[in-house]
């Protein structure tokens, strides 16, 4: 059916949207924590090397843990509030 109608293969249900949103929120939280840590390190006048390492570390953690959160939510279920 997707060959005849390409839009049919792009159907996204509410559960997929919710899982994507929660995974993105998890990743964005680590970006905020990393930005705050880098800002505090800059105020304390640490070397640029360490500030850049902290920013890179938290970007990697954001990507990895955001995707891990999505996988866990797919395996279990989306929490109902």
Protein backbone atom coordinates (compact mmCIF):
# COMPACT_ATOMS: atom_id res chain seq x y z
CA UNK A 1 0.00 0.00 0.00
CA UNK A 2 2.91 2.35 0.69
CA UNK A 3 4.12 1.99 -2.90
CA UNK A 4 0.81 3.26 -4.25
CA UNK A 5 0.31 5.93 -1.59
CA UNK A 6 3.59 7.17 0.02
CA UNK A 7 1.65 9.09 2.67
CA UNK A 8 0.20 5.84 4.03
CA UNK A 9 3.60 4.75 5.38
CA UNK A 10 4.02 7.97 7.37
CA UNK A 11 1.09 7.51 9.70
CA UNK A 12 2.10 8.36 13.26
CA UNK A 13 -0.17 7.54 16.14
CA UNK A 14 -0.51 9.42 19.42
CA UNK A 15 1.70 6.93 21.29
CA UNK A 16 4.64 7.56 18.91
CA UNK A 17 4.29 11.31 19.34
CA UNK A 18 4.19 10.98 23.13
CA UNK A 19 7.24 8.72 23.20
CA UNK A 20 9.15 11.10 20.94
CA UNK A 21 8.21 14.05 23.10
CA UNK A 22 9.26 12.37 26.35
CA UNK A 23 12.55 11.21 24.84
CA UNK A 24 13.28 14.70 23.57
CA UNK A 25 12.52 16.20 26.97
CA UNK A 26 14.96 13.78 28.57
CA UNK A 27 17.66 14.76 26.09
CA UNK A 28 16.99 18.48 26.45
CA UNK A 29 17.33 18.23 30.22
CA UNK A 30 20.93 17.07 29.81
CA UNK A 31 21.68 19.92 27.40
CA UNK A 32 20.43 22.40 30.00
CA UNK A 33 22.48 20.77 32.76
CA UNK A 34 25.58 20.84 30.54
CA UNK A 35 25.03 24.49 29.62
CA UNK A 36 24.68 25.46 33.27
CA UNK A 37 27.79 23.50 34.19
CA UNK A 38 29.77 25.15 31.38
CA UNK A 39 28.53 28.58 32.41
CA UNK A 40 29.58 28.00 36.01
CA UNK A 41 32.96 26.74 34.86
CA UNK A 42 33.41 29.87 32.72
CA UNK A 43 32.51 32.08 35.69
CA UNK A 44 35.08 30.19 37.77
CA UNK A 45 37.60 30.82 34.92
CA UNK A 46 38.49 27.19 34.22
CA UNK A 47 40.52 26.33 31.15
CA UNK A 48 38.66 26.32 27.83
CA UNK A 49 39.61 22.68 27.35
CA UNK A 50 37.55 21.54 30.34
CA UNK A 51 34.59 23.73 29.44
CA UNK A 52 34.54 22.34 25.90
CA UNK A 53 34.81 18.78 27.24
CA UNK A 54 31.83 19.29 29.55
CA UNK A 55 29.74 20.73 26.72
CA UNK A 56 30.66 17.80 24.45
CA UNK A 57 30.01 15.25 27.19
CA UNK A 58 26.53 16.56 27.87
CA UNK A 59 25.66 16.72 24.16
CA UNK A 60 26.64 13.05 23.85
CA UNK A 61 24.71 12.17 27.03
CA UNK A 62 21.72 14.05 25.66
CA UNK A 63 21.68 12.05 22.44
CA UNK A 64 22.35 8.67 24.03
CA UNK A 65 20.06 8.97 27.04
CA UNK A 66 17.26 10.54 24.99
CA UNK A 67 17.33 7.55 22.65
CA UNK A 68 17.59 5.09 25.55
CA UNK A 69 14.53 6.71 27.11
CA UNK A 70 12.63 6.26 23.83
CA UNK A 71 13.62 2.59 23.63
CA UNK A 72 12.54 2.00 27.22
CA UNK A 73 9.22 3.72 26.58
CA UNK A 74 8.64 1.59 23.46
CA UNK A 75 9.40 -1.58 25.44
CA UNK A 76 7.17 -0.66 28.34
CA UNK A 77 4.36 1.79 27.95
CA UNK A 78 3.81 5.51 28.02
CA UNK A 79 2.90 6.60 31.55
CA UNK A 80 -0.62 7.90 31.91
CA UNK A 81 -0.88 10.93 34.13
